[in-house]
């Protein structure tokens, strides 16, 4: 079981590397890593388990965050606020297309690898189409909007060595861009 001790923190060099693409079939080790990442997210959202093991709640986790520089992410979002849920373990995810319109969370973004709160709006694409493979190598195509789109973009950024605060406008950190929507 993964715990907060397994999650590397801001400043660790792996978080700034471009993670390596995977080929199929996945090794058993890679499959187990991906399943453990998903399990961490589920456990982190269960109050009893999270309290027992000192887990911070998360909805997404990228392999580089556990010091595995491979293009794998897990997202566990049981309710996006619109009655939809997302439970994915993705390999080699890529944003294939995106909207011009931006979206942001009014409270900013957080990250399991960043212990302190970093104020500022993180502008991302409001709509994205993502292509990836599942754990068995089957192709997956997701069309996402709003909060789920933000979550998946945050995790894919980790695969490219990008942290959420890299998107914050230093001159105007709390000013929404024109036409950006609050999610």
N, C-alpha and C. Protein backbone atom coordinates (compact mmCIF):
# COMPACT_ATOMS: atom_id res chain seq x y z
N UNK A 1 0.84 -1.19 0.00
CA UNK A 1 0.00 0.00 0.00
C UNK A 1 0.88 1.25 0.00
N UNK A 2 0.56 2.17 -0.93
CA UNK A 2 1.30 3.43 -0.96
C UNK A 2 0.81 4.35 0.15
N UNK A 3 1.74 5.11 0.73
CA UNK A 3 1.38 6.12 1.72
C UNK A 3 2.07 7.43 1.33
N UNK A 4 1.89 8.45 2.13
CA UNK A 4 2.51 9.74 1.83
C UNK A 4 4.05 9.64 1.79
N UNK A 5 4.61 8.65 2.49
CA UNK A 5 6.07 8.47 2.47
C UNK A 5 6.56 8.09 1.08
N UNK A 6 5.68 7.50 0.26
CA UNK A 6 6.06 7.08 -1.10
C UNK A 6 6.01 8.22 -2.10
N UNK A 7 5.36 9.31 -1.73
CA UNK A 7 5.20 10.43 -2.65
C UNK A 7 6.36 11.41 -2.49
N UNK A 8 7.08 11.60 -3.60
CA UNK A 8 8.22 12.52 -3.55
C UNK A 8 7.71 13.96 -3.57
N UNK A 9 8.51 14.85 -2.99
CA UNK A 9 8.07 16.24 -2.82
C UNK A 9 8.77 17.18 -3.78
N UNK A 10 8.15 18.33 -3.91
CA UNK A 10 8.64 19.42 -4.74
C UNK A 10 10.15 19.59 -4.52
N UNK A 11 10.88 19.73 -5.59
CA UNK A 11 12.33 19.87 -5.51
C UNK A 11 13.06 18.59 -5.91
N UNK A 12 12.36 17.44 -5.85
CA UNK A 12 12.97 16.17 -6.25
C UNK A 12 13.14 16.20 -7.78
N UNK A 13 14.32 15.82 -8.28
CA UNK A 13 14.57 15.93 -9.73
C UNK A 13 13.61 15.14 -10.62
N UNK A 14 13.09 14.00 -10.16
CA UNK A 14 12.18 13.20 -10.98
C UNK A 14 10.94 13.99 -11.38
N UNK A 15 10.51 14.92 -10.52
CA UNK A 15 9.30 15.70 -10.83
C UNK A 15 9.51 16.66 -12.00
N UNK A 16 10.74 16.89 -12.39
CA UNK A 16 11.02 17.80 -13.51
C UNK A 16 11.49 17.06 -14.77
N UNK A 17 11.47 15.73 -14.74
CA UNK A 17 11.88 14.94 -15.90
C UNK A 17 10.68 14.68 -16.81
N UNK A 18 10.97 14.45 -18.09
CA UNK A 18 9.94 13.98 -19.01
C UNK A 18 9.92 12.46 -18.85
N UNK A 19 8.78 11.92 -18.44
CA UNK A 19 8.67 10.48 -18.17
C UNK A 19 8.71 9.67 -19.47
N UNK A 20 9.17 8.43 -19.34
CA UNK A 20 9.33 7.59 -20.53
C UNK A 20 8.03 6.92 -20.93
N UNK A 21 7.84 6.82 -22.24
CA UNK A 21 6.69 6.14 -22.83
C UNK A 21 6.82 4.65 -22.55
N UNK A 22 5.69 3.98 -22.41
CA UNK A 22 5.69 2.54 -22.14
C UNK A 22 5.22 1.78 -23.37
N UNK A 23 5.68 0.53 -23.50
CA UNK A 23 5.20 -0.33 -24.58
C UNK A 23 4.43 -1.49 -23.94
N UNK A 24 3.63 -2.15 -24.77
CA UNK A 24 2.77 -3.23 -24.28
C UNK A 24 3.28 -4.56 -24.81
N UNK A 25 3.05 -5.65 -24.09
CA UNK A 25 2.32 -5.67 -22.80
C UNK A 25 3.14 -5.04 -21.68
N UNK A 26 2.44 -4.44 -20.73
CA UNK A 26 3.11 -3.87 -19.56
C UNK A 26 3.73 -4.98 -18.73
N UNK A 27 4.80 -4.66 -18.05
CA UNK A 27 5.39 -5.62 -17.12
C UNK A 27 4.44 -5.76 -15.92
N UNK A 28 4.55 -6.86 -15.23
CA UNK A 28 3.74 -7.04 -14.02
C UNK A 28 4.03 -5.94 -13.01
N UNK A 29 5.30 -5.52 -12.94
CA UNK A 29 5.69 -4.45 -12.01
C UNK A 29 4.95 -3.15 -12.34
N UNK A 30 4.89 -2.80 -13.64
CA UNK A 30 4.19 -1.58 -14.03
C UNK A 30 2.69 -1.67 -13.75
N UNK A 31 2.12 -2.84 -14.01
CA UNK A 31 0.68 -3.03 -13.72
C UNK A 31 0.42 -2.86 -12.22
N UNK A 32 1.28 -3.46 -11.40
CA UNK A 32 1.10 -3.37 -9.95
C UNK A 32 1.28 -1.93 -9.46
N UNK A 33 2.23 -1.21 -10.06
CA UNK A 33 2.44 0.20 -9.70
C UNK A 33 1.18 1.01 -9.99
N UNK A 34 0.62 0.81 -11.17
CA UNK A 34 -0.58 1.55 -11.56
C UNK A 34 -1.77 1.21 -10.65
N UNK A 35 -1.93 -0.05 -10.32
CA UNK A 35 -3.01 -0.46 -9.41
C UNK A 35 -2.81 0.15 -8.02
N UNK A 36 -1.56 0.20 -7.56
CA UNK A 36 -1.25 0.79 -6.24
C UNK A 36 -1.54 2.29 -6.23
N UNK A 37 -1.29 2.95 -7.37
CA UNK A 37 -1.59 4.39 -7.47
C UNK A 37 -3.10 4.63 -7.33
N UNK A 38 -3.88 3.82 -8.04
CA UNK A 38 -5.35 3.94 -7.96
C UNK A 38 -5.81 3.65 -6.53
N UNK A 39 -5.25 2.59 -5.92
CA UNK A 39 -5.63 2.24 -4.56
C UNK A 39 -5.32 3.38 -3.58
N UNK A 40 -4.18 4.06 -3.78
CA UNK A 40 -3.85 5.20 -2.92
C UNK A 40 -4.96 6.25 -2.99
N UNK A 41 -5.42 6.57 -4.20
CA UNK A 41 -6.45 7.59 -4.36
C UNK A 41 -7.74 7.20 -3.67
N UNK A 42 -8.14 5.94 -3.83
CA UNK A 42 -9.36 5.45 -3.18
C UNK A 42 -9.20 5.54 -1.66
N UNK A 43 -8.06 5.07 -1.15
CA UNK A 43 -7.81 5.12 0.30
C UNK A 43 -7.77 6.55 0.82
N UNK A 44 -7.18 7.46 0.02
CA UNK A 44 -7.02 8.85 0.47
C UNK A 44 -8.37 9.56 0.60
N UNK A 45 -9.38 9.04 -0.10
CA UNK A 45 -10.72 9.64 -0.05
C UNK A 45 -11.62 8.96 0.98
N UNK A 46 -11.13 7.92 1.62
CA UNK A 46 -11.86 7.23 2.68
C UNK A 46 -11.37 7.79 4.01
N UNK A 47 -12.24 8.52 4.72
CA UNK A 47 -11.82 9.22 5.94
C UNK A 47 -11.13 8.31 6.95
N UNK A 48 -11.69 7.11 7.18
CA UNK A 48 -11.10 6.20 8.17
C UNK A 48 -9.70 5.76 7.78
N UNK A 49 -9.54 5.33 6.53
CA UNK A 49 -8.23 4.86 6.07
C UNK A 49 -7.24 6.03 6.01
N UNK A 50 -7.71 7.18 5.50
CA UNK A 50 -6.84 8.35 5.38
C UNK A 50 -6.32 8.79 6.75
N UNK A 51 -7.21 8.81 7.74
CA UNK A 51 -6.79 9.19 9.10
C UNK A 51 -5.83 8.18 9.69
N UNK A 52 -6.12 6.89 9.49
CA UNK A 52 -5.28 5.84 10.06
C UNK A 52 -3.85 5.90 9.52
N UNK A 53 -3.70 6.18 8.21
CA UNK A 53 -2.38 6.16 7.58
C UNK A 53 -1.82 7.55 7.27
N UNK A 54 -2.54 8.59 7.68
CA UNK A 54 -2.05 9.96 7.46
C UNK A 54 -1.98 10.34 5.99
N UNK A 55 -3.00 9.96 5.21
CA UNK A 55 -3.02 10.24 3.78
C UNK A 55 -3.70 11.57 3.49
N UNK A 56 -3.10 12.36 2.60
CA UNK A 56 -3.77 13.56 2.10
C UNK A 56 -4.67 13.14 0.96
N UNK A 57 -5.85 13.70 0.92
CA UNK A 57 -6.81 13.34 -0.11
C UNK A 57 -6.35 13.80 -1.49
N UNK A 58 -6.52 12.91 -2.46
CA UNK A 58 -6.16 13.24 -3.83
C UNK A 58 -7.13 12.62 -4.81
N UNK A 59 -7.25 13.24 -5.99
CA UNK A 59 -8.12 12.70 -7.04
C UNK A 59 -7.29 12.20 -8.23
N UNK A 60 -5.99 12.53 -8.24
CA UNK A 60 -5.12 12.08 -9.31
C UNK A 60 -3.72 11.87 -8.81
N UNK A 61 -3.01 10.94 -9.48
CA UNK A 61 -1.63 10.66 -9.12
C UNK A 61 -0.89 10.22 -10.38
N UNK A 62 0.27 10.79 -10.59
CA UNK A 62 1.11 10.42 -11.74
C UNK A 62 2.30 9.62 -11.22
N UNK A 63 2.75 8.65 -12.03
CA UNK A 63 3.86 7.79 -11.61
C UNK A 63 5.11 8.57 -11.18
N UNK A 64 5.46 9.68 -11.85
CA UNK A 64 6.65 10.41 -11.37
C UNK A 64 6.53 10.88 -9.91
N UNK A 65 5.32 11.05 -9.42
CA UNK A 65 5.14 11.48 -8.04
C UNK A 65 5.54 10.41 -7.03
N UNK A 66 5.64 9.16 -7.48
CA UNK A 66 6.15 8.10 -6.60
C UNK A 66 7.54 7.65 -7.08
N UNK A 67 8.22 8.59 -7.76
CA UNK A 67 9.59 8.40 -8.23
C UNK A 67 9.72 7.28 -9.26
N UNK A 68 8.68 7.14 -10.10
CA UNK A 68 8.70 6.20 -11.22
C UNK A 68 8.51 7.05 -12.48
N UNK A 69 9.57 7.25 -13.22
CA UNK A 69 9.52 8.17 -14.37
C UNK A 69 8.97 7.46 -15.61
N UNK A 70 7.70 7.08 -15.52
CA UNK A 70 7.00 6.40 -16.62
C UNK A 70 5.66 7.08 -16.84
N UNK A 71 5.16 7.03 -18.07
CA UNK A 71 3.96 7.76 -18.45
C UNK A 71 2.70 6.99 -18.03
N UNK A 72 2.41 7.03 -16.73
CA UNK A 72 1.22 6.37 -16.16
C UNK A 72 0.56 7.34 -15.19
N UNK A 73 -0.78 7.41 -15.26
CA UNK A 73 -1.52 8.21 -14.29
C UNK A 73 -2.74 7.41 -13.81
N UNK A 74 -3.18 7.75 -12.60
CA UNK A 74 -4.44 7.23 -12.08
C UNK A 74 -5.30 8.42 -11.69
N UNK A 75 -6.58 8.33 -12.01
CA UNK A 75 -7.55 9.35 -11.60
C UNK A 75 -8.73 8.64 -10.98
N UNK A 76 -9.10 9.08 -9.79
CA UNK A 76 -10.27 8.52 -9.11
C UNK A 76 -11.09 9.70 -8.60
N UNK A 77 -12.15 9.98 -9.32
CA UNK A 77 -13.03 11.11 -9.03
C UNK A 77 -14.44 10.55 -8.98
N UNK A 78 -14.92 10.15 -7.77
CA UNK A 78 -16.21 9.47 -7.69
C UNK A 78 -17.40 10.33 -8.08
N UNK A 79 -17.27 11.65 -8.02
CA UNK A 79 -18.36 12.53 -8.43
C UNK A 79 -17.77 13.88 -8.80
N UNK A 80 -17.97 14.28 -10.04
CA UNK A 80 -17.41 15.55 -10.50
C UNK A 80 -18.31 16.74 -10.20
N UNK A 81 -19.40 16.48 -9.45
CA UNK A 81 -20.35 17.55 -9.13
C UNK A 81 -21.52 17.56 -10.11
N UNK A 82 -21.38 16.82 -11.21
CA UNK A 82 -22.46 16.73 -12.21
C UNK A 82 -22.97 15.30 -12.34
N UNK A 83 -22.71 14.50 -11.33
CA UNK A 83 -23.21 13.13 -11.34
C UNK A 83 -22.38 12.15 -12.16
N UNK A 84 -21.24 12.58 -12.67
CA UNK A 84 -20.36 11.68 -13.43
C UNK A 84 -19.20 11.28 -12.54
N UNK A 85 -18.72 10.06 -12.74
CA UNK A 85 -17.54 9.63 -11.99
C UNK A 85 -16.46 9.21 -12.98
N UNK A 86 -15.22 9.27 -12.50
CA UNK A 86 -14.06 8.94 -13.32
C UNK A 86 -13.15 8.04 -12.52
N UNK A 87 -12.85 6.88 -13.08
CA UNK A 87 -11.99 5.90 -12.42
C UNK A 87 -11.10 5.31 -13.51
N UNK A 88 -9.90 5.88 -13.66
CA UNK A 88 -9.04 5.49 -14.77
C UNK A 88 -7.61 5.23 -14.32
N UNK A 89 -7.02 4.21 -14.93
CA UNK A 89 -5.59 3.97 -14.86
C UNK A 89 -5.12 4.05 -16.31
N UNK A 90 -4.40 5.12 -16.63
CA UNK A 90 -4.03 5.37 -18.02
C UNK A 90 -2.52 5.26 -18.25
N UNK A 91 -2.18 4.75 -19.42
CA UNK A 91 -0.80 4.61 -19.84
C UNK A 91 -0.60 5.45 -21.10
N UNK A 92 0.49 6.19 -21.14
CA UNK A 92 0.84 7.05 -22.28
C UNK A 92 -0.27 8.04 -22.65
N UNK A 93 -0.90 8.71 -21.67
CA UNK A 93 -1.97 9.64 -22.03
C UNK A 93 -1.42 10.88 -22.74
N UNK A 94 -2.19 11.35 -23.72
CA UNK A 94 -1.81 12.55 -24.49
C UNK A 94 -3.06 13.40 -24.70
N UNK A 95 -2.89 14.71 -24.59
CA UNK A 95 -3.97 15.62 -24.96
C UNK A 95 -3.92 15.75 -26.47
N UNK A 96 -4.98 15.31 -27.15
CA UNK A 96 -5.02 15.32 -28.61
C UNK A 96 -5.61 16.62 -29.16
N UNK A 97 -6.59 17.17 -28.44
CA UNK A 97 -7.18 18.44 -28.86
C UNK A 97 -7.72 19.13 -27.62
N UNK A 98 -7.93 20.45 -27.75
CA UNK A 98 -8.38 21.21 -26.59
C UNK A 98 -9.08 22.48 -27.05
N UNK A 99 -9.89 23.01 -26.15
CA UNK A 99 -10.62 24.24 -26.43
C UNK A 99 -9.71 25.45 -26.25
N UNK A 100 -10.07 26.52 -26.92
CA UNK A 100 -9.38 27.80 -26.71
C UNK A 100 -9.80 28.35 -25.35
N UNK A 101 -11.07 28.12 -25.00
CA UNK A 101 -11.57 28.64 -23.72
C UNK A 101 -10.82 27.98 -22.56
N UNK A 102 -10.45 28.82 -21.60
CA UNK A 102 -9.74 28.33 -20.41
C UNK A 102 -10.70 28.17 -19.24
N UNK A 103 -10.26 27.39 -18.27
CA UNK A 103 -11.00 27.19 -17.03
C UNK A 103 -10.00 27.22 -15.88
N UNK A 104 -10.50 27.52 -14.69
CA UNK A 104 -9.63 27.54 -13.51
C UNK A 104 -10.48 27.25 -12.28
N UNK A 105 -9.80 26.80 -11.24
CA UNK A 105 -10.44 26.58 -9.94
C UNK A 105 -10.26 27.86 -9.13
N UNK A 106 -11.33 28.40 -8.56
CA UNK A 106 -11.21 29.68 -7.84
C UNK A 106 -10.28 29.62 -6.64
N UNK A 107 -10.08 28.44 -6.08
CA UNK A 107 -9.20 28.28 -4.92
C UNK A 107 -7.78 27.90 -5.33
N UNK A 108 -7.52 27.83 -6.65
CA UNK A 108 -6.23 27.38 -7.12
C UNK A 108 -6.14 25.86 -7.09
N UNK A 109 -4.98 25.32 -7.38
CA UNK A 109 -4.78 23.86 -7.39
C UNK A 109 -3.83 23.46 -6.27
N UNK A 110 -3.96 22.22 -5.87
CA UNK A 110 -3.05 21.62 -4.91
C UNK A 110 -2.42 20.40 -5.54
N UNK A 111 -1.46 19.82 -4.84
CA UNK A 111 -0.74 18.68 -5.38
C UNK A 111 -0.18 17.87 -4.22
N UNK A 112 -0.28 16.55 -4.32
CA UNK A 112 0.24 15.69 -3.27
C UNK A 112 1.76 15.84 -3.11
N UNK A 113 2.44 16.31 -4.15
CA UNK A 113 3.89 16.50 -4.08
C UNK A 113 4.29 17.89 -3.59
N UNK A 114 3.30 18.75 -3.35
CA UNK A 114 3.59 20.11 -2.89
C UNK A 114 2.92 20.29 -1.52
N UNK A 115 3.73 20.44 -0.49
CA UNK A 115 3.19 20.50 0.87
C UNK A 115 2.57 21.85 1.22
N UNK A 116 3.11 22.92 0.66
CA UNK A 116 2.58 24.23 1.02
C UNK A 116 1.49 24.66 0.04
N UNK A 117 0.65 25.59 0.48
CA UNK A 117 -0.38 26.16 -0.37
C UNK A 117 0.27 27.24 -1.22
N UNK A 118 0.07 27.18 -2.53
CA UNK A 118 0.64 28.19 -3.43
C UNK A 118 -0.52 28.95 -4.05
N UNK A 119 -0.72 30.22 -3.60
CA UNK A 119 -1.86 30.97 -4.12
C UNK A 119 -1.68 31.36 -5.58
N UNK A 120 -2.77 31.32 -6.31
CA UNK A 120 -2.74 31.72 -7.71
C UNK A 120 -3.67 30.86 -8.54
N UNK A 121 -4.19 31.46 -9.60
CA UNK A 121 -5.09 30.74 -10.50
C UNK A 121 -4.26 29.99 -11.54
N UNK A 122 -4.65 28.74 -11.77
CA UNK A 122 -3.99 27.89 -12.76
C UNK A 122 -4.95 27.78 -13.94
N UNK A 123 -4.64 28.46 -15.03
CA UNK A 123 -5.50 28.42 -16.20
C UNK A 123 -5.16 27.20 -17.06
N UNK A 124 -6.20 26.44 -17.38
CA UNK A 124 -6.04 25.25 -18.22
C UNK A 124 -7.14 25.27 -19.28
N UNK A 125 -7.07 24.34 -20.22
CA UNK A 125 -8.12 24.24 -21.24
C UNK A 125 -9.40 23.74 -20.59
N UNK A 126 -10.54 24.36 -20.94
CA UNK A 126 -11.82 23.95 -20.36
C UNK A 126 -12.28 22.60 -20.90
N UNK A 127 -11.94 22.31 -22.14
CA UNK A 127 -12.30 21.02 -22.76
C UNK A 127 -11.05 20.40 -23.36
N UNK A 128 -10.91 19.09 -23.17
CA UNK A 128 -9.79 18.37 -23.77
C UNK A 128 -10.26 17.01 -24.27
N UNK A 129 -9.58 16.52 -25.29
CA UNK A 129 -9.75 15.14 -25.73
C UNK A 129 -8.42 14.46 -25.48
N UNK A 130 -8.49 13.36 -24.74
CA UNK A 130 -7.29 12.63 -24.34
C UNK A 130 -7.33 11.23 -24.95
N UNK A 131 -6.19 10.81 -25.48
CA UNK A 131 -6.03 9.43 -25.94
C UNK A 131 -5.01 8.76 -25.04
N UNK A 132 -5.25 7.49 -24.73
CA UNK A 132 -4.34 6.73 -23.87
C UNK A 132 -4.62 5.25 -24.07
N UNK A 133 -3.91 4.42 -23.32
CA UNK A 133 -4.21 3.00 -23.27
C UNK A 133 -4.55 2.64 -21.83
N UNK A 134 -5.38 1.60 -21.70
CA UNK A 134 -5.64 1.09 -20.35
C UNK A 134 -4.52 0.12 -19.99
N UNK A 135 -4.66 -0.50 -18.85
CA UNK A 135 -3.61 -1.37 -18.31
C UNK A 135 -3.31 -2.57 -19.21
N UNK A 136 -4.29 -2.95 -20.04
CA UNK A 136 -4.12 -4.09 -20.95
C UNK A 136 -3.71 -3.66 -22.35
N UNK A 137 -3.61 -2.35 -22.60
CA UNK A 137 -3.19 -1.87 -23.91
C UNK A 137 -4.33 -1.48 -24.84
N UNK A 138 -5.57 -1.54 -24.34
CA UNK A 138 -6.71 -1.12 -25.16
C UNK A 138 -6.73 0.40 -25.27
N UNK A 139 -7.08 0.89 -26.46
CA UNK A 139 -7.15 2.33 -26.67
C UNK A 139 -8.34 2.94 -25.94
N UNK A 140 -8.10 4.10 -25.37
CA UNK A 140 -9.14 4.85 -24.66
C UNK A 140 -9.12 6.27 -25.19
N UNK A 141 -10.31 6.81 -25.41
CA UNK A 141 -10.44 8.21 -25.82
C UNK A 141 -11.45 8.86 -24.88
N UNK A 142 -11.02 9.94 -24.24
CA UNK A 142 -11.88 10.64 -23.28
C UNK A 142 -12.10 12.07 -23.74
N UNK A 143 -13.35 12.49 -23.69
CA UNK A 143 -13.68 13.91 -23.91
C UNK A 143 -14.08 14.46 -22.56
N UNK A 144 -13.34 15.46 -22.09
CA UNK A 144 -13.54 15.96 -20.74
C UNK A 144 -13.79 17.46 -20.76
N UNK A 145 -14.56 17.91 -19.77
CA UNK A 145 -14.87 19.34 -19.65
C UNK A 145 -14.84 19.74 -18.18
N UNK A 146 -14.39 20.96 -17.91
CA UNK A 146 -14.45 21.50 -16.55
C UNK A 146 -13.48 20.82 -15.61
N UNK A 147 -13.98 20.48 -14.40
CA UNK A 147 -13.11 19.93 -13.36
C UNK A 147 -12.37 18.66 -13.79
N UNK A 148 -13.05 17.66 -14.37
CA UNK A 148 -12.30 16.47 -14.81
C UNK A 148 -11.20 16.83 -15.82
N UNK A 149 -11.46 17.77 -16.72
CA UNK A 149 -10.44 18.18 -17.70
C UNK A 149 -9.24 18.78 -16.98
N UNK A 150 -9.48 19.57 -15.93
CA UNK A 150 -8.40 20.16 -15.14
C UNK A 150 -7.57 19.07 -14.46
N UNK A 151 -8.25 18.10 -13.85
CA UNK A 151 -7.57 17.01 -13.13
C UNK A 151 -6.65 16.23 -14.08
N UNK A 152 -7.17 15.84 -15.23
CA UNK A 152 -6.37 15.04 -16.17
C UNK A 152 -5.20 15.86 -16.71
N UNK A 153 -5.40 17.16 -17.00
CA UNK A 153 -4.30 17.99 -17.48
C UNK A 153 -3.21 18.13 -16.42
N UNK A 154 -3.62 18.27 -15.15
CA UNK A 154 -2.66 18.38 -14.04
C UNK A 154 -1.77 17.12 -14.01
N UNK A 155 -2.40 15.95 -14.12
CA UNK A 155 -1.63 14.70 -14.04
C UNK A 155 -0.73 14.51 -15.27
N UNK A 156 -1.24 14.83 -16.46
CA UNK A 156 -0.42 14.70 -17.67
C UNK A 156 0.75 15.66 -17.61
N UNK A 157 0.55 16.85 -17.03
CA UNK A 157 1.68 17.78 -16.84
C UNK A 157 2.82 17.12 -16.08
N UNK A 158 2.48 16.34 -15.05
CA UNK A 158 3.52 15.65 -14.26
C UNK A 158 4.39 14.75 -15.15
N UNK A 159 3.80 14.18 -16.20
CA UNK A 159 4.56 13.29 -17.08
C UNK A 159 5.56 14.07 -17.94
N UNK A 160 5.35 15.38 -18.00
CA UNK A 160 6.22 16.25 -18.80
C UNK A 160 7.10 17.14 -17.93
N UNK A 161 7.14 16.86 -16.63
CA UNK A 161 7.99 17.63 -15.73
C UNK A 161 7.46 19.02 -15.41
N UNK A 162 6.15 19.20 -15.57
CA UNK A 162 5.53 20.51 -15.33
C UNK A 162 4.72 20.45 -14.04
N UNK A 163 4.92 21.45 -13.18
CA UNK A 163 4.18 21.56 -11.93
C UNK A 163 3.05 22.57 -12.11
N UNK A 164 1.97 22.43 -11.33
CA UNK A 164 0.81 23.31 -11.50
C UNK A 164 1.16 24.78 -11.36
N UNK A 165 2.09 25.11 -10.46
CA UNK A 165 2.40 26.51 -10.22
C UNK A 165 3.19 27.14 -11.36
N UNK A 166 3.68 26.32 -12.29
CA UNK A 166 4.34 26.86 -13.48
C UNK A 166 3.35 27.64 -14.35
N UNK A 167 2.07 27.37 -14.17
CA UNK A 167 1.01 28.02 -14.96
C UNK A 167 0.52 29.33 -14.32
N UNK A 168 0.94 29.63 -13.11
CA UNK A 168 0.45 30.83 -12.41
C UNK A 168 1.18 32.06 -12.93
N UNK A 169 0.40 33.08 -13.27
CA UNK A 169 0.95 34.35 -13.74
C UNK A 169 1.53 35.09 -12.53
N UNK A 170 2.86 35.20 -12.51
CA UNK A 170 3.52 35.82 -11.35
C UNK A 170 3.11 37.28 -11.14
N UNK A 171 2.87 37.99 -12.24
CA UNK A 171 2.51 39.41 -12.13
C UNK A 171 1.08 39.60 -11.61
N UNK A 172 0.17 38.71 -12.04
CA UNK A 172 -1.24 38.80 -11.64
C UNK A 172 -1.77 37.43 -11.25
N UNK A 173 -1.28 36.88 -10.14
CA UNK A 173 -1.61 35.49 -9.81
C UNK A 173 -3.09 35.22 -9.54
N UNK A 174 -3.84 36.22 -9.12
CA UNK A 174 -5.24 35.99 -8.75
C UNK A 174 -6.22 36.61 -9.76
N UNK A 175 -5.72 37.02 -10.92
CA UNK A 175 -6.58 37.64 -11.93
C UNK A 175 -6.95 36.61 -12.99
N UNK A 176 -8.27 36.35 -13.15
CA UNK A 176 -8.69 35.42 -14.21
C UNK A 176 -8.40 36.00 -15.59
N UNK A 177 -8.04 35.16 -16.53
CA UNK A 177 -7.85 35.58 -17.92
C UNK A 177 -9.21 35.93 -18.50
N UNK A 178 -9.21 36.77 -19.53
CA UNK A 178 -10.47 37.11 -20.20
C UNK A 178 -11.13 35.86 -20.74
N UNK A 179 -12.43 35.76 -20.56
CA UNK A 179 -13.25 34.66 -21.06
C UNK A 179 -12.99 33.32 -20.37
N UNK A 180 -12.12 33.28 -19.36
CA UNK A 180 -11.89 32.01 -18.65
C UNK A 180 -13.09 31.74 -17.73
N UNK A 181 -13.45 30.47 -17.60
CA UNK A 181 -14.59 30.11 -16.76
C UNK A 181 -14.12 29.53 -15.43
N UNK A 182 -14.82 29.92 -14.38
CA UNK A 182 -14.54 29.39 -13.05
C UNK A 182 -15.25 28.04 -12.93
N UNK A 183 -14.52 27.05 -12.46
CA UNK A 183 -15.08 25.68 -12.36
C UNK A 183 -15.35 25.35 -10.91
